[in-house]
Amino acid sequence: MKHLTQTTWEVAQGREGDFIKVCRRSTQIHQRLGAEKVLLLNNVAGPGHTMTYVCSFPDAVALGAFLEALPSDDDWRALGGEFVSDPPARMVSQHITQDLFS
């Protein structure tokens, strides 16, 4: 059964390009650490301007290895430092889900 991480972000007006650049860099790190697929979804209905970043993992073991490795990854930590110094978005929600159809 596939497992997914989903983080929804409210993107600051005029900062869409900056946020997408951060997500592209995140994708490289997340795939290196085991995400088999990464999506950036532009939410076209609902309050505010939000985007949802999704990572897919083949199973709970792969997700667990990812969650264990991520906090100590040097590239991830550096990107996080850059992000918090001038954030183009703010986190709205974060979930870990299971794909019951996989």
Protein backbone atom coordinates (compact mmCIF):
# COMPACT_ATOMS: atom_id res chain seq x y z
CA MET A 1 0.00 0.00 0.00
CA LYS A 2 1.42 3.37 -1.03
CA HIS A 3 1.95 6.06 1.58
CA LEU A 4 1.95 9.78 0.90
CA THR A 5 3.03 12.94 2.65
CA GLN A 6 0.98 16.03 1.83
CA THR A 7 1.79 19.57 2.84
CA THR A 8 -0.50 22.44 1.88
CA TRP A 9 1.01 25.92 1.67
CA GLU A 10 -0.54 29.35 1.41
CA VAL A 11 1.68 31.07 -1.15
CA ALA A 12 2.37 34.79 -0.73
CA GLN A 13 1.02 36.94 -3.54
CA GLY A 14 3.69 37.47 -6.18
CA ARG A 15 5.95 34.75 -4.71
CA GLU A 16 4.67 31.79 -6.73
CA GLY A 17 7.87 31.53 -8.77
CA ASP A 18 10.02 31.60 -5.62
CA PHE A 19 7.92 28.88 -4.02
CA ILE A 20 8.06 26.67 -7.12
CA LYS A 21 11.87 26.99 -7.15
CA VAL A 22 12.01 25.83 -3.53
CA CYS A 23 9.74 22.90 -4.37
CA ARG A 24 11.93 21.88 -7.33
CA ARG A 25 14.96 21.79 -5.01
CA SER A 26 12.93 19.88 -2.42
CA THR A 27 11.92 17.34 -5.06
CA GLN A 28 15.55 16.48 -5.81
CA ILE A 29 16.27 15.94 -2.11
CA HIS A 30 13.10 13.97 -1.47
CA GLN A 31 13.63 11.66 -4.44
CA ARG A 32 17.24 11.05 -3.38
CA LEU A 33 15.90 10.05 0.04
CA GLY A 34 13.32 7.62 -1.35
CA ALA A 35 10.20 9.40 -2.63
CA GLU A 36 9.21 7.62 -5.82
CA LYS A 37 7.01 10.45 -7.09
CA VAL A 38 6.60 14.11 -6.13
CA LEU A 39 3.74 16.38 -7.17
CA LEU A 40 3.11 20.09 -6.70
CA LEU A 41 -0.62 20.73 -6.98
CA ASN A 42 -1.99 24.21 -7.59
CA ASN A 43 -5.29 24.37 -5.71
CA VAL A 44 -7.64 26.31 -8.00
CA ALA A 45 -10.68 26.39 -5.68
CA GLY A 46 -10.92 27.20 -2.01
CA PRO A 47 -9.76 29.97 0.28
CA GLY A 48 -6.53 31.82 -0.40
CA HIS A 49 -3.87 30.81 -2.88
CA THR A 50 -2.67 27.39 -1.86
CA MET A 51 -0.45 24.70 -3.32
CA THR A 52 -0.08 21.14 -2.05
CA TYR A 53 3.27 19.33 -2.18
CA VAL A 54 2.91 15.54 -2.26
CA CYS A 55 5.51 12.78 -1.96
CA SER A 56 4.59 9.15 -2.72
CA PHE A 57 6.32 6.12 -1.20
CA PRO A 58 5.84 2.47 -2.16
CA ASP A 59 5.16 1.35 1.43
CA ALA A 60 5.42 2.24 5.11
CA VAL A 61 9.01 0.98 5.32
CA ALA A 62 10.17 3.41 2.61
CA LEU A 63 8.24 6.26 4.24
CA GLY A 64 9.78 5.45 7.61
CA ALA A 65 13.31 5.45 6.18
CA PHE A 66 12.60 8.80 4.52
CA LEU A 67 11.23 10.36 7.72
CA GLU A 68 14.26 9.12 9.65
CA ALA A 69 16.81 10.43 7.12
CA LEU A 70 15.25 13.80 6.28
CA PRO A 71 15.99 15.83 9.46
CA SER A 72 19.73 15.14 9.32
CA ASP A 73 20.19 15.59 5.56
CA ASP A 74 22.62 18.46 4.95
CA ASP A 75 20.93 19.64 1.73
CA TRP A 76 17.52 19.62 3.41
CA ARG A 77 18.79 21.55 6.41
CA ALA A 78 20.44 24.15 4.16
CA LEU A 79 17.27 24.59 2.10
CA GLY A 80 15.23 24.95 5.29
CA GLY A 81 17.54 27.69 6.52
CA GLU A 82 17.15 29.59 3.27
CA PHE A 83 13.38 29.14 3.35
CA VAL A 84 12.85 30.51 6.86
CA SER A 85 15.03 33.55 6.19
CA ASP A 86 12.58 34.77 3.50
CA PRO A 87 9.57 32.42 3.27
CA PRO A 88 7.52 32.61 0.07
CA ALA A 89 4.70 30.61 1.71
CA ARG A 90 3.35 29.48 5.06
CA MET A 91 2.33 25.94 5.95
CA VAL A 92 -1.42 25.46 6.28
CA SER A 93 -1.59 21.71 6.97
CA GLN A 94 0.46 18.53 6.81
CA HIS A 95 -0.74 14.92 6.55
CA ILE A 96 0.55 11.40 6.07
CA THR A 97 -1.97 9.29 4.20
CA GLN A 98 -2.40 5.79 2.75
CA ASP A 99 -3.58 5.10 -0.78
CA LEU A 100 -6.18 2.41 -0.17
CA PHE A 101 -6.46 1.61 -3.88
CA SER A 102 -2.77 0.86 -4.38
